[in-house]
Amino acid sequence: MATLQILNEVRDFDTWKAAFDSYERLRADNGVRRYRILRSVAEPDRVVVHLDFDSDEDAAEFLPRLARIWATPLSQAQLVSHAPPELLTLVTDRVPEG
């Protein structure tokens, strides 16, 4: 499994989340198997998105689509900033016993 980690600072989380949700079909059609959205407790407009793919290649193929999303007026209106996405490879996924 491969994960694209995206770090965003957004203007308003609820408005950003509605925009994110509008791309649900695009994610499903382009190899995203699962995603997680995390927010900073101290700074709720700092958002981390993890997009999971079957392979590093699938994740890399999604990057141009992500760039096109960020270039849309809808995204431009909601993003204060974002770091370049980072491709992560899963090493261990374990639930502790007990």
PDB file of N, CA and C in Angstrom:
ATOM      1  N   MET A   1       0.842  -1.175   0.000  1.00  0.00           N
ATOM      2  CA  MET A   1       0.000   0.000   0.000  1.00  0.00           C
ATOM      3  C   MET A   1       0.886   1.238   0.000  1.00  0.00           C
ATOM      4  N   ALA A   2       0.431   2.255  -0.708  1.00  0.00           N
ATOM      5  CA  ALA A   2       1.125   3.539  -0.761  1.00  0.00           C
ATOM      6  C   ALA A   2       0.147   4.627  -0.332  1.00  0.00           C
ATOM      7  N   THR A   3       0.685   5.656   0.306  1.00  0.00           N
ATOM      8  CA  THR A   3      -0.137   6.759   0.786  1.00  0.00           C
ATOM      9  C   THR A   3       0.448   8.069   0.306  1.00  0.00           C
ATOM     10  N   LEU A   4      -0.426   8.928  -0.234  1.00  0.00           N
ATOM     11  CA  LEU A   4      -0.039  10.316  -0.475  1.00  0.00           C
ATOM     12  C   LEU A   4      -0.452  11.108   0.753  1.00  0.00           C
ATOM     13  N   GLN A   5       0.511  11.749   1.379  1.00  0.00           N
ATOM     14  CA  GLN A   5       0.237  12.604   2.525  1.00  0.00           C
ATOM     15  C   GLN A   5       0.224  14.052   2.049  1.00  0.00           C
ATOM     16  N   ILE A   6      -0.872  14.744   2.338  1.00  0.00           N
ATOM     17  CA  ILE A   6      -1.057  16.120   1.890  1.00  0.00           C
ATOM     18  C   ILE A   6      -1.286  16.982   3.122  1.00  0.00           C
ATOM     19  N   LEU A   7      -0.502  18.047   3.242  1.00  0.00           N
ATOM     20  CA  LEU A   7      -0.638  18.982   4.354  1.00  0.00           C
ATOM     21  C   LEU A   7      -1.204  20.286   3.809  1.00  0.00           C
ATOM     22  N   ASN A   8      -2.359  20.693   4.318  1.00  0.00           N
ATOM     23  CA  ASN A   8      -3.030  21.905   3.863  1.00  0.00           C
ATOM     24  C   ASN A   8      -3.280  22.850   5.024  1.00  0.00           C
ATOM     25  N   GLU A   9      -3.249  24.124   4.718  1.00  0.00           N
ATOM     26  CA  GLU A   9      -3.829  25.121   5.611  1.00  0.00           C
ATOM     27  C   GLU A   9      -5.003  25.705   4.849  1.00  0.00           C
ATOM     28  N   VAL A  10      -6.196  25.669   5.462  1.00  0.00           N
ATOM     29  CA  VAL A  10      -7.413  26.074   4.766  1.00  0.00           C
ATOM     30  C   VAL A  10      -8.026  27.305   5.433  1.00  0.00           C
ATOM     31  N   ARG A  11      -8.837  28.015   4.668  1.00  0.00           N
ATOM     32  CA  ARG A  11      -9.478  29.225   5.204  1.00  0.00           C
ATOM     33  C   ARG A  11     -10.593  28.884   6.185  1.00  0.00           C
ATOM     34  N   ASP A  12     -11.401  27.904   5.839  1.00  0.00           N
ATOM     35  CA  ASP A  12     -12.525  27.490   6.675  1.00  0.00           C
ATOM     36  C   ASP A  12     -12.708  25.991   6.473  1.00  0.00           C
ATOM     37  N   PHE A  13     -12.575  25.212   7.532  1.00  0.00           N
ATOM     38  CA  PHE A  13     -12.586  23.763   7.387  1.00  0.00           C
ATOM     39  C   PHE A  13     -13.874  23.254   6.759  1.00  0.00           C
ATOM     40  N   ASP A  14     -15.026  23.714   7.224  1.00  0.00           N
ATOM     41  CA  ASP A  14     -16.285  23.179   6.722  1.00  0.00           C
ATOM     42  C   ASP A  14     -16.465  23.445   5.228  1.00  0.00           C
ATOM     43  N   THR A  15     -16.084  24.620   4.778  1.00  0.00           N
ATOM     44  CA  THR A  15     -16.180  24.944   3.354  1.00  0.00           C
ATOM     45  C   THR A  15     -15.168  24.118   2.563  1.00  0.00           C
ATOM     46  N   TRP A  16     -13.945  23.997   3.085  1.00  0.00           N
ATOM     47  CA  TRP A  16     -12.934  23.166   2.428  1.00  0.00           C
ATOM     48  C   TRP A  16     -13.419  21.721   2.329  1.00  0.00           C
ATOM     49  N   LYS A  17     -14.000  21.197   3.419  1.00  0.00           N
ATOM     50  CA  LYS A  17     -14.461  19.800   3.441  1.00  0.00           C
ATOM     51  C   LYS A  17     -15.541  19.571   2.395  1.00  0.00           C
ATOM     52  N   ALA A  18     -16.443  20.533   2.226  1.00  0.00           N
ATOM     53  CA  ALA A  18     -17.473  20.397   1.192  1.00  0.00           C
ATOM     54  C   ALA A  18     -16.833  20.340  -0.194  1.00  0.00           C
ATOM     55  N   ALA A  19     -15.814  21.150  -0.420  1.00  0.00           N
ATOM     56  CA  ALA A  19     -15.096  21.118  -1.702  1.00  0.00           C
ATOM     57  C   ALA A  19     -14.383  19.775  -1.866  1.00  0.00           C
ATOM     58  N   PHE A  20     -13.719  19.298  -0.824  1.00  0.00           N
ATOM     59  CA  PHE A  20     -13.047  17.993  -0.862  1.00  0.00           C
ATOM     60  C   PHE A  20     -14.046  16.904  -1.215  1.00  0.00           C
ATOM     61  N   ASP A  21     -15.199  16.920  -0.579  1.00  0.00           N
ATOM     62  CA  ASP A  21     -16.215  15.900  -0.813  1.00  0.00           C
ATOM     63  C   ASP A  21     -16.713  15.899  -2.254  1.00  0.00           C
ATOM     64  N   SER A  22     -16.658  17.047  -2.924  1.00  0.00           N
ATOM     65  CA  SER A  22     -17.151  17.126  -4.302  1.00  0.00           C
ATOM     66  C   SER A  22     -16.274  16.338  -5.272  1.00  0.00           C
ATOM     67  N   TYR A  23     -15.097  15.912  -4.847  1.00  0.00           N
ATOM     68  CA  TYR A  23     -14.195  15.126  -5.694  1.00  0.00           C
ATOM     69  C   TYR A  23     -14.222  13.635  -5.359  1.00  0.00           C
ATOM     70  N   GLU A  24     -15.248  13.189  -4.678  1.00  0.00           N
ATOM     71  CA  GLU A  24     -15.352  11.784  -4.256  1.00  0.00           C
ATOM     72  C   GLU A  24     -15.259  10.834  -5.457  1.00  0.00           C
ATOM     73  N   ARG A  25     -16.015  11.103  -6.504  1.00  0.00           N
ATOM     74  CA  ARG A  25     -16.021  10.229  -7.685  1.00  0.00           C
ATOM     75  C   ARG A  25     -14.656  10.221  -8.361  1.00  0.00           C
ATOM     76  N   LEU A  26     -14.011  11.371  -8.459  1.00  0.00           N
ATOM     77  CA  LEU A  26     -12.683  11.444  -9.083  1.00  0.00           C
ATOM     78  C   LEU A  26     -11.693  10.569  -8.317  1.00  0.00           C
ATOM     79  N   ARG A  27     -11.735  10.644  -6.985  1.00  0.00           N
ATOM     80  CA  ARG A  27     -10.828   9.805  -6.191  1.00  0.00           C
ATOM     81  C   ARG A  27     -11.112   8.327  -6.428  1.00  0.00           C
ATOM     82  N   ALA A  28     -12.381   7.947  -6.394  1.00  0.00           N
ATOM     83  CA  ALA A  28     -12.749   6.537  -6.582  1.00  0.00           C
ATOM     84  C   ALA A  28     -12.352   6.038  -7.961  1.00  0.00           C
ATOM     85  N   ASP A  29     -12.517   6.874  -8.977  1.00  0.00           N
ATOM     86  CA  ASP A  29     -12.205   6.473 -10.357  1.00  0.00           C
ATOM     87  C   ASP A  29     -10.703   6.448 -10.642  1.00  0.00           C
ATOM     88  N   ASN A  30      -9.896   6.993  -9.739  1.00  0.00           N
ATOM     89  CA  ASN A  30      -8.462   7.116 -10.002  1.00  0.00           C
ATOM     90  C   ASN A  30      -7.595   6.448  -8.951  1.00  0.00           C
ATOM     91  N   GLY A  31      -8.104   5.365  -8.379  1.00  0.00           N
ATOM     92  CA  GLY A  31      -7.260   4.492  -7.583  1.00  0.00           C
ATOM     93  C   GLY A  31      -7.189   4.746  -6.092  1.00  0.00           C
ATOM     94  N   VAL A  32      -7.894   5.757  -5.578  1.00  0.00           N
ATOM     95  CA  VAL A  32      -7.872   5.986  -4.125  1.00  0.00           C
ATOM     96  C   VAL A  32      -8.731   4.898  -3.479  1.00  0.00           C
ATOM     97  N   ARG A  33      -8.108   4.084  -2.643  1.00  0.00           N
ATOM     98  CA  ARG A  33      -8.804   2.970  -1.999  1.00  0.00           C
ATOM     99  C   ARG A  33      -9.426   3.358  -0.659  1.00  0.00           C
ATOM    100  N   ARG A  34      -8.810   4.347  -0.028  1.00  0.00           N
ATOM    101  CA  ARG A  34      -9.257   4.784   1.294  1.00  0.00           C
ATOM    102  C   ARG A  34      -8.622   6.132   1.540  1.00  0.00           C
ATOM    103  N   TYR A  35      -9.260   6.962   2.350  1.00  0.00           N
ATOM    104  CA  TYR A  35      -8.616   8.216   2.747  1.00  0.00           C
ATOM    105  C   TYR A  35      -8.981   8.554   4.180  1.00  0.00           C
ATOM    106  N   ARG A  36      -8.115   9.343   4.775  1.00  0.00           N
ATOM    107  CA  ARG A  36      -8.309   9.842   6.132  1.00  0.00           C
ATOM    108  C   ARG A  36      -8.050  11.334   6.118  1.00  0.00           C
ATOM    109  N   ILE A  37      -8.843  12.056   6.882  1.00  0.00           N
ATOM    110  CA  ILE A  37      -8.637  13.497   7.066  1.00  0.00           C
ATOM    111  C   ILE A  37      -8.384  13.714   8.549  1.00  0.00           C
ATOM    112  N   LEU A  38      -7.295  14.393   8.857  1.00  0.00           N
ATOM    113  CA  LEU A  38      -6.941  14.691  10.238  1.00  0.00           C
ATOM    114  C   LEU A  38      -6.812  16.199  10.381  1.00  0.00           C
ATOM    115  N   ARG A  39      -7.192  16.715  11.541  1.00  0.00           N
ATOM    116  CA  ARG A  39      -7.081  18.148  11.822  1.00  0.00           C
ATOM    117  C   ARG A  39      -6.213  18.362  13.044  1.00  0.00           C
ATOM    118  N   SER A  40      -5.475  19.442  13.009  1.00  0.00           N
ATOM    119  CA  SER A  40      -4.702  19.833  14.177  1.00  0.00           C
ATOM    120  C   SER A  40      -5.668  20.276  15.281  1.00  0.00           C
ATOM    121  N   VAL A  41      -5.436  19.799  16.482  1.00  0.00           N
ATOM    122  CA  VAL A  41      -6.260  20.231  17.612  1.00  0.00           C
ATOM    123  C   VAL A  41      -5.959  21.690  17.936  1.00  0.00           C
ATOM    124  N   ALA A  42      -4.700  22.054  17.906  1.00  0.00           N
ATOM    125  CA  ALA A  42      -4.296  23.424  18.251  1.00  0.00           C
ATOM    126  C   ALA A  42      -4.644  24.428  17.154  1.00  0.00           C
ATOM    127  N   GLU A  43      -4.582  23.992  15.889  1.00  0.00           N
ATOM    128  CA  GLU A  43      -4.860  24.876  14.750  1.00  0.00           C
ATOM    129  C   GLU A  43      -5.812  24.150  13.803  1.00  0.00           C
ATOM    130  N   PRO A  44      -7.129  24.237  14.051  1.00  0.00           N
ATOM    131  CA  PRO A  44      -8.095  23.426  13.314  1.00  0.00           C
ATOM    132  C   PRO A  44      -8.142  23.666  11.802  1.00  0.00           C
ATOM    133  N   ASP A  45      -7.531  24.731  11.308  1.00  0.00           N
ATOM    134  CA  ASP A  45      -7.487  24.958   9.861  1.00  0.00           C
ATOM    135  C   ASP A  45      -6.254  24.327   9.217  1.00  0.00           C
ATOM    136  N   ARG A  46      -5.445  23.628  10.011  1.00  0.00           N
ATOM    137  CA  ARG A  46      -4.349  22.811   9.460  1.00  0.00           C
ATOM    138  C   ARG A  46      -4.892  21.399   9.301  1.00  0.00           C
ATOM    139  N   VAL A  47      -4.849  20.902   8.075  1.00  0.00           N
ATOM    140  CA  VAL A  47      -5.482  19.628   7.735  1.00  0.00           C
ATOM    141  C   VAL A  47      -4.456  18.709   7.086  1.00  0.00           C
ATOM    142  N   VAL A  48      -4.487  17.446   7.488  1.00  0.00           N
ATOM    143  CA  VAL A  48      -3.657  16.419   6.873  1.00  0.00           C
ATOM    144  C   VAL A  48      -4.603  15.439   6.180  1.00  0.00           C
ATOM    145  N   VAL A  49      -4.298  15.128   4.924  1.00  0.00           N
ATOM    146  CA  VAL A  49      -5.083  14.157   4.165  1.00  0.00           C
ATOM    147  C   VAL A  49      -4.161  13.008   3.779  1.00  0.00           C
ATOM    148  N   HIS A  50      -4.611  11.798   4.041  1.00  0.00           N
ATOM    149  CA  HIS A  50      -3.907  10.588   3.605  1.00  0.00           C
ATOM    150  C   HIS A  50      -4.777   9.913   2.562  1.00  0.00           C
ATOM    151  N   LEU A  51      -4.256   9.775   1.347  1.00  0.00           N
ATOM    152  CA  LEU A  51      -4.935   9.053   0.272  1.00  0.00           C
ATOM    153  C   LEU A  51      -4.199   7.739   0.058  1.00  0.00           C
ATOM    154  N   ASP A  52      -4.880   6.617   0.235  1.00  0.00           N
ATOM    155  CA  ASP A  52      -4.254   5.302   0.106  1.00  0.00           C
ATOM    156  C   ASP A  52      -4.512   4.707  -1.280  1.00  0.00           C
ATOM    157  N   PHE A  53      -3.455   4.099  -1.831  1.00  0.00           N
ATOM    158  CA  PHE A  53      -3.478   3.466  -3.142  1.00  0.00           C
ATOM    159  C   PHE A  53      -2.909   2.064  -3.029  1.00  0.00           C
ATOM    160  N   ASP A  54      -3.157   1.251  -4.054  1.00  0.00           N
ATOM    161  CA  ASP A  54      -2.620  -0.110  -4.066  1.00  0.00           C
ATOM    162  C   ASP A  54      -1.112  -0.131  -4.256  1.00  0.00           C
ATOM    163  N   SER A  55      -0.552   0.856  -4.962  1.00  0.00           N
ATOM    164  CA  SER A  55       0.875   0.824  -5.270  1.00  0.00           C
ATOM    165  C   SER A  55       1.443   2.239  -5.350  1.00  0.00           C
ATOM    166  N   ASP A  56       2.772   2.324  -5.287  1.00  0.00           N
ATOM    167  CA  ASP A  56       3.452   3.606  -5.473  1.00  0.00           C
ATOM    168  C   ASP A  56       3.124   4.194  -6.842  1.00  0.00           C
ATOM    169  N   GLU A  57       3.037   3.327  -7.853  1.00  0.00           N
ATOM    170  CA  GLU A  57       2.757   3.789  -9.216  1.00  0.00           C
ATOM    171  C   GLU A  57       1.373   4.421  -9.305  1.00  0.00           C
ATOM    172  N   ASP A  58       0.372   3.789  -8.668  1.00  0.00           N
ATOM    173  CA  ASP A  58      -0.982   4.350  -8.676  1.00  0.00           C
ATOM    174  C   ASP A  58      -1.003   5.712  -7.996  1.00  0.00           C
ATOM    175  N   ALA A  59      -0.294   5.825  -6.884  1.00  0.00           N
ATOM    176  CA  ALA A  59      -0.232   7.099  -6.170  1.00  0.00           C
ATOM    177  C   ALA A  59       0.448   8.163  -7.025  1.00  0.00           C
ATOM    178  N   ALA A  60       1.549   7.813  -7.660  1.00  0.00           N
ATOM    179  CA  ALA A  60       2.271   8.762  -8.508  1.00  0.00           C
ATOM    180  C   ALA A  60       1.414   9.213  -9.683  1.00  0.00           C
ATOM    181  N   GLU A  61       0.618   8.306 -10.243  1.00  0.00           N
ATOM    182  CA  GLU A  61      -0.261   8.656 -11.359  1.00  0.00           C
ATOM    183  C   GLU A  61      -1.347   9.635 -10.936  1.00  0.00           C
ATOM    184  N   PHE A  62      -1.675   9.688  -9.652  1.00  0.00           N
ATOM    185  CA  PHE A  62      -2.710  10.603  -9.160  1.00  0.00           C
ATOM    186  C   PHE A  62      -2.192  12.032  -9.009  1.00  0.00           C
ATOM    187  N   LEU A  63      -0.889  12.195  -8.898  1.00  0.00           N
ATOM    188  CA  LEU A  63      -0.316  13.530  -8.636  1.00  0.00           C
ATOM    189  C   LEU A  63      -0.731  14.591  -9.656  1.00  0.00           C
ATOM    190  N   PRO A  64      -0.732  14.319 -10.962  1.00  0.00           N
ATOM    191  CA  PRO A  64      -1.178  15.364 -11.898  1.00  0.00           C
ATOM    192  C   PRO A  64      -2.649  15.740 -11.702  1.00  0.00           C
ATOM    193  N   ARG A  65      -3.472  14.784 -11.319  1.00  0.00           N
ATOM    194  CA  ARG A  65      -4.880  15.084 -11.045  1.00  0.00           C
ATOM    195  C   ARG A  65      -5.000  15.987  -9.829  1.00  0.00           C
ATOM    196  N   LEU A  66      -4.194  15.699  -8.828  1.00  0.00           N
ATOM    197  CA  LEU A  66      -4.184  16.525  -7.625  1.00  0.00           C
ATOM    198  C   LEU A  66      -3.767  17.954  -7.964  1.00  0.00           C
ATOM    199  N   ALA A  67      -2.762  18.109  -8.805  1.00  0.00           N
ATOM    200  CA  ALA A  67      -2.316  19.444  -9.221  1.00  0.00           C
ATOM    201  C   ALA A  67      -3.438  20.185  -9.945  1.00  0.00           C
ATOM    202  N   ARG A  68      -4.204  19.469 -10.771  1.00  0.00           N
ATOM    203  CA  ARG A  68      -5.324  20.107 -11.474  1.00  0.00           C
ATOM    204  C   ARG A  68      -6.415  20.534 -10.496  1.00  0.00           C
ATOM    205  N   ILE A  69      -6.662  19.711  -9.477  1.00  0.00           N
ATOM    206  CA  ILE A  69      -7.655  20.081  -8.457  1.00  0.00           C
ATOM    207  C   ILE A  69      -7.209  21.353  -7.747  1.00  0.00           C
ATOM    208  N   TRP A  70      -5.949  21.404  -7.332  1.00  0.00           N
ATOM    209  CA  TRP A  70      -5.441  22.576  -6.622  1.00  0.00           C
ATOM    210  C   TRP A  70      -5.507  23.839  -7.479  1.00  0.00           C
ATOM    211  N   ALA A  71      -5.472  23.692  -8.789  1.00  0.00           N
ATOM    212  CA  ALA A  71      -5.503  24.851  -9.686  1.00  0.00           C
ATOM    213  C   ALA A  71      -6.916  25.385  -9.925  1.00  0.00           C
ATOM    214  N   THR A  72      -7.941  24.652  -9.494  1.00  0.00           N
ATOM    215  CA  THR A  72      -9.310  25.104  -9.727  1.00  0.00           C
ATOM    216  C   THR A  72      -9.630  26.323  -8.858  1.00  0.00           C
ATOM    217  N   PRO A  73     -10.521  27.188  -9.325  1.00  0.00           N
ATOM    218  CA  PRO A  73     -10.921  28.347  -8.509  1.00  0.00           C
ATOM    219  C   PRO A  73     -11.490  27.943  -7.152  1.00  0.00           C
ATOM    220  N   LEU A  74     -12.217  26.831  -7.106  1.00  0.00           N
ATOM    221  CA  LEU A  74     -12.787  26.355  -5.839  1.00  0.00           C
ATOM    222  C   LEU A  74     -11.678  26.054  -4.830  1.00  0.00           C
ATOM    223  N   SER A  75     -10.655  25.328  -5.265  1.00  0.00           N
ATOM    224  CA  SER A  75      -9.544  25.008  -4.372  1.00  0.00           C
ATOM    225  C   SER A  75      -8.737  26.252  -4.021  1.00  0.00           C
ATOM    226  N   GLN A  76      -8.472  27.071  -5.006  1.00  0.00           N
ATOM    227  CA  GLN A  76      -7.701  28.293  -4.760  1.00  0.00           C
ATOM    228  C   GLN A  76      -8.381  29.170  -3.711  1.00  0.00           C
ATOM    229  N   ALA A  77      -9.708  29.186  -3.720  1.00  0.00           N
ATOM    230  CA  ALA A  77     -10.447  29.999  -2.747  1.00  0.00           C
ATOM    231  C   ALA A  77     -10.348  29.439  -1.334  1.00  0.00           C
ATOM    232  N   GLN A  78     -10.121  28.129  -1.210  1.00  0.00           N
ATOM    233  CA  GLN A  78     -10.128  27.499   0.113  1.00  0.00           C
ATOM    234  C   GLN A  78      -8.751  27.256   0.704  1.00  0.00           C
ATOM    235  N   LEU A  79      -7.730  27.118  -0.132  1.00  0.00           N
ATOM    236  CA  LEU A  79      -6.399  26.809   0.372  1.00  0.00           C
ATOM    237  C   LEU A  79      -5.619  28.074   0.698  1.00  0.00           C
ATOM    238  N   VAL A  80      -5.097  28.149   1.905  1.00  0.00           N
ATOM    239  CA  VAL A  80      -4.144  29.197   2.263  1.00  0.00           C
ATOM    240  C   VAL A  80      -2.777  28.760   1.750  1.00  0.00           C
ATOM    241  N   SER A  81      -2.450  27.491   2.003  1.00  0.00           N
ATOM    242  CA  SER A  81      -1.175  26.932   1.528  1.00  0.00           C
ATOM    243  C   SER A  81      -1.263  25.409   1.571  1.00  0.00           C
ATOM    244  N   HIS A  82      -0.338  24.784   0.871  1.00  0.00           N
ATOM    245  CA  HIS A  82      -0.200  23.347   0.950  1.00  0.00           C
ATOM    246  C   HIS A  82       1.249  22.984   0.663  1.00  0.00           C
ATOM    247  N   ALA A  83       1.690  21.947   1.334  1.00  0.00           N
ATOM    248  CA  ALA A  83       3.035  21.428   1.088  1.00  0.00           C
ATOM    249  C   ALA A  83       2.971  20.475  -0.094  1.00  0.00           C
ATOM    250  N   PRO A  84       4.087  20.255  -0.769  1.00  0.00           N
ATOM    251  CA  PRO A  84       4.075  19.236  -1.823  1.00  0.00           C
ATOM    252  C   PRO A  84       3.656  17.897  -1.230  1.00  0.00           C
ATOM    253  N   PRO A  85       2.829  17.131  -1.934  1.00  0.00           N
ATOM    254  CA  PRO A  85       2.429  15.834  -1.402  1.00  0.00           C
ATOM    255  C   PRO A  85       3.639  14.923  -1.231  1.00  0.00           C
ATOM    256  N   GLU A  86       3.587  14.123  -0.205  1.00  0.00           N
ATOM    257  CA  GLU A  86       4.685  13.191   0.068  1.00  0.00           C
ATOM    258  C   GLU A  86       4.171  11.771  -0.129  1.00  0.00           C
ATOM    259  N   LEU A  87       4.905  10.975  -0.889  1.00  0.00           N
ATOM    260  CA  LEU A  87       4.545   9.582  -1.121  1.00  0.00           C
ATOM    261  C   LEU A  87       5.165   8.727  -0.025  1.00  0.00           C
ATOM    262  N   LEU A  88       4.309   8.020   0.706  1.00  0.00           N
ATOM    263  CA  LEU A  88       4.745   7.165   1.804  1.00  0.00           C
ATOM    264  C   LEU A  88       4.394   5.722   1.475  1.00  0.00           C
ATOM    265  N   THR A  89       5.265   4.793   1.848  1.00  0.00           N
ATOM    266  CA  THR A  89       5.016   3.369   1.665  1.00  0.00           C
ATOM    267  C   THR A  89       4.776   2.732   3.030  1.00  0.00           C
ATOM    268  N   LEU A  90       3.715   1.961   3.127  1.00  0.00           N
ATOM    269  CA  LEU A  90       3.377   1.294   4.378  1.00  0.00           C
ATOM    270  C   LEU A  90       4.415   0.240   4.714  1.00  0.00           C
ATOM    271  N   VAL A  91       4.948   0.315   5.920  1.00  0.00           N
ATOM    272  CA  VAL A  91       5.925  -0.655   6.393  1.00  0.00           C
ATOM    273  C   VAL A  91       5.259  -1.633   7.360  1.00  0.00           C
ATOM    274  N   THR A  92       4.506  -1.117   8.316  1.00  0.00           N
ATOM    275  CA  THR A  92       3.830  -1.953   9.305  1.00  0.00           C
ATOM    276  C   THR A  92       2.451  -1.382   9.589  1.00  0.00           C
ATOM    277  N   ASP A  93       1.463  -2.250   9.643  1.00  0.00           N
ATOM    278  CA  ASP A  93       0.103  -1.877  10.033  1.00  0.00           C
ATOM    279  C   ASP A  93      -0.373  -2.956  10.991  1.00  0.00           C
ATOM    280  N   ARG A  94      -0.352  -2.635  12.262  1.00  0.00           N
ATOM    281  CA  ARG A  94      -0.615  -3.651  13.264  1.00  0.00           C
ATOM    282  C   ARG A  94      -1.492  -3.094  14.359  1.00  0.00           C
ATOM    283  N   VAL A  95      -2.437  -3.898  14.818  1.00  0.00           N
ATOM    284  CA  VAL A  95      -3.232  -3.555  15.980  1.00  0.00           C
ATOM    285  C   VAL A  95      -2.644  -4.323  17.151  1.00  0.00           C
ATOM    286  N   PRO A  96      -2.231  -3.606  18.209  1.00  0.00           N
ATOM    287  CA  PRO A  96      -1.629  -4.301  19.353  1.00  0.00           C
ATOM    288  C   PRO A  96      -2.609  -5.297  19.994  1.00  0.00           C
ATOM    289  N   GLU A  97      -2.082  -6.386  20.458  1.00  0.00           N
ATOM    290  CA  GLU A  97      -2.892  -7.390  21.160  1.00  0.00           C
ATOM    291  C   GLU A  97      -3.168  -6.914  22.568  1.00  0.00           C
ATOM    292  N   GLY A  98      -4.271  -7.385  23.096  1.00  0.00           N
ATOM    293  CA  GLY A  98      -4.511  -7.143  24.512  1.00  0.00           C
ATOM    294  C   GLY A  98      -5.596  -6.237  24.744  1.00  0.00           C
TER     295      GLY A  98
END
